[in-house]
C-alpha atoms as a PDB file:
ATOM      1  CA  UNK A   1      12.410 250.129 195.046  1.00  0.00           C
ATOM      2  CA  UNK A   2      15.929 251.505 194.927  1.00  0.00           C
ATOM      3  CA  UNK A   3      17.642 252.883 191.834  1.00  0.00           C
ATOM      4  CA  UNK A   4      20.049 249.998 191.319  1.00  0.00           C
ATOM      5  CA  UNK A   5      17.184 247.475 191.304  1.00  0.00           C
ATOM      6  CA  UNK A   6      15.300 249.520 188.700  1.00  0.00           C
ATOM      7  CA  UNK A   7      18.426 249.755 186.561  1.00  0.00           C
ATOM      8  CA  UNK A   8      19.051 246.030 186.911  1.00  0.00           C
ATOM      9  CA  UNK A   9      15.461 245.272 185.875  1.00  0.00           C
ATOM     10  CA  UNK A  10      15.744 247.390 182.722  1.00  0.00           C
ATOM     11  CA  UNK A  11      19.128 245.876 181.836  1.00  0.00           C
ATOM     12  CA  UNK A  12      17.738 242.363 182.370  1.00  0.00           C
ATOM     13  CA  UNK A  13      14.857 243.149 180.007  1.00  0.00           C
ATOM     14  CA  UNK A  14      17.311 244.449 177.399  1.00  0.00           C
ATOM     15  CA  UNK A  15      19.526 241.361 177.692  1.00  0.00           C
ATOM     16  CA  UNK A  16      16.548 239.037 177.203  1.00  0.00           C
ATOM     17  CA  UNK A  17      15.377 241.121 174.227  1.00  0.00           C
ATOM     18  CA  UNK A  18      18.796 240.908 172.561  1.00  0.00           C
ATOM     19  CA  UNK A  19      18.961 237.174 173.395  1.00  0.00           C
ATOM     20  CA  UNK A  20      15.640 236.580 171.594  1.00  0.00           C
ATOM     21  CA  UNK A  21      16.819 238.624 168.628  1.00  0.00           C
ATOM     22  CA  UNK A  22      19.943 236.459 168.408  1.00  0.00           C
ATOM     23  CA  UNK A  23      17.857 233.296 168.798  1.00  0.00           C
ATOM     24  CA  UNK A  24      15.654 234.441 165.938  1.00  0.00           C
ATOM     25  CA  UNK A  25      18.708 234.950 163.728  1.00  0.00           C
ATOM     26  CA  UNK A  26      20.131 231.565 164.741  1.00  0.00           C
ATOM     27  CA  UNK A  27      16.854 229.750 164.026  1.00  0.00           C
ATOM     28  CA  UNK A  28      16.537 231.584 160.716  1.00  0.00           C
ATOM     29  CA  UNK A  29      19.965 230.338 159.632  1.00  0.00           C
ATOM     30  CA  UNK A  30      19.605 226.777 160.984  1.00  0.00           C
ATOM     31  CA  UNK A  31      15.956 225.893 160.266  1.00  0.00           C
ATOM     32  CA  UNK A  32      15.751 227.543 156.834  1.00  0.00           C
ATOM     33  CA  UNK A  33      12.019 228.220 157.215  1.00  0.00           C
ATOM     34  CA  UNK A  34      11.015 224.681 158.179  1.00  0.00           C
ATOM     35  CA  UNK A  35       9.827 225.470 161.723  1.00  0.00           C
ATOM     36  CA  UNK A  36       8.187 228.386 163.513  1.00  0.00           C
ATOM     37  CA  UNK A  37      11.011 228.884 166.021  1.00  0.00           C
ATOM     38  CA  UNK A  38      12.143 232.094 164.265  1.00  0.00           C
ATOM     39  CA  UNK A  39       8.656 233.580 164.421  1.00  0.00           C
ATOM     40  CA  UNK A  40       8.272 232.576 168.083  1.00  0.00           C
ATOM     41  CA  UNK A  41      11.615 234.137 169.068  1.00  0.00           C
ATOM     42  CA  UNK A  42      10.859 237.392 167.275  1.00  0.00           C
ATOM     43  CA  UNK A  43       7.336 237.487 168.711  1.00  0.00           C
ATOM     44  CA  UNK A  44       8.771 237.129 172.227  1.00  0.00           C
ATOM     45  CA  UNK A  45      11.191 239.967 171.439  1.00  0.00           C
ATOM     46  CA  UNK A  46       8.369 242.267 170.369  1.00  0.00           C
ATOM     47  CA  UNK A  47       6.245 241.391 173.422  1.00  0.00           C
ATOM     48  CA  UNK A  48       9.189 242.023 175.761  1.00  0.00           C
ATOM     49  CA  UNK A  49       9.973 245.343 174.053  1.00  0.00           C
ATOM     50  CA  UNK A  50       6.383 246.529 174.399  1.00  0.00           C
ATOM     51  CA  UNK A  51       6.304 245.338 178.027  1.00  0.00           C
ATOM     52  CA  UNK A  52       9.505 247.264 178.788  1.00  0.00           C
ATOM     53  CA  UNK A  53       8.136 250.442 177.208  1.00  0.00           C
ATOM     54  CA  UNK A  54       4.884 250.112 179.162  1.00  0.00           C
ATOM     55  CA  UNK A  55       6.820 249.422 182.369  1.00  0.00           C
ATOM     56  CA  UNK A  56       8.900 252.574 181.905  1.00  0.00           C
ATOM     57  CA  UNK A  57       5.813 254.667 181.084  1.00  0.00           C
ATOM     58  CA  UNK A  58       4.032 253.274 184.158  1.00  0.00           C
ATOM     59  CA  UNK A  59       7.108 253.979 186.290  1.00  0.00           C
ATOM     60  CA  UNK A  60       7.283 257.581 185.109  1.00  0.00           C
ATOM     61  CA  UNK A  61       3.539 258.090 185.544  1.00  0.00           C
ATOM     62  CA  UNK A  62       3.509 256.663 189.067  1.00  0.00           C
ATOM     63  CA  UNK A  63       6.652 258.526 190.142  1.00  0.00           C
ATOM     64  CA  UNK A  64       8.940 255.508 190.607  1.00  0.00           C
ATOM     65  CA  UNK A  65      11.143 256.753 187.786  1.00  0.00           C
ATOM     66  CA  UNK A  66      12.105 260.404 187.573  1.00  0.00           C
ATOM     67  CA  UNK A  67      13.141 261.387 184.043  1.00  0.00           C
ATOM     68  CA  UNK A  68      15.901 263.927 183.639  1.00  0.00           C
ATOM     69  CA  UNK A  69      17.478 265.697 180.727  1.00  0.00           C
ATOM     70  CA  UNK A  70      20.946 265.146 179.394  1.00  0.00           C
ATOM     71  CA  UNK A  71      23.394 267.234 181.399  1.00  0.00           C
ATOM     72  CA  UNK A  72      25.746 269.016 179.055  1.00  0.00           C
END
């Protein structure tokens, strides 16, 4: 897996996470607590965030991702 594909995968995860956060805010404002769409959107956001963290940890552990320090 090349570096640009890994970067694209992480960015795609982040975009979907932010999308679900925005959907949760939208449903909160529109539904006013009448449906569970807000809870579902925020639950998806949490699941995706945990999945992204686990994916990065797995990538570092297996050697697919090589962490580096900030170059100053």
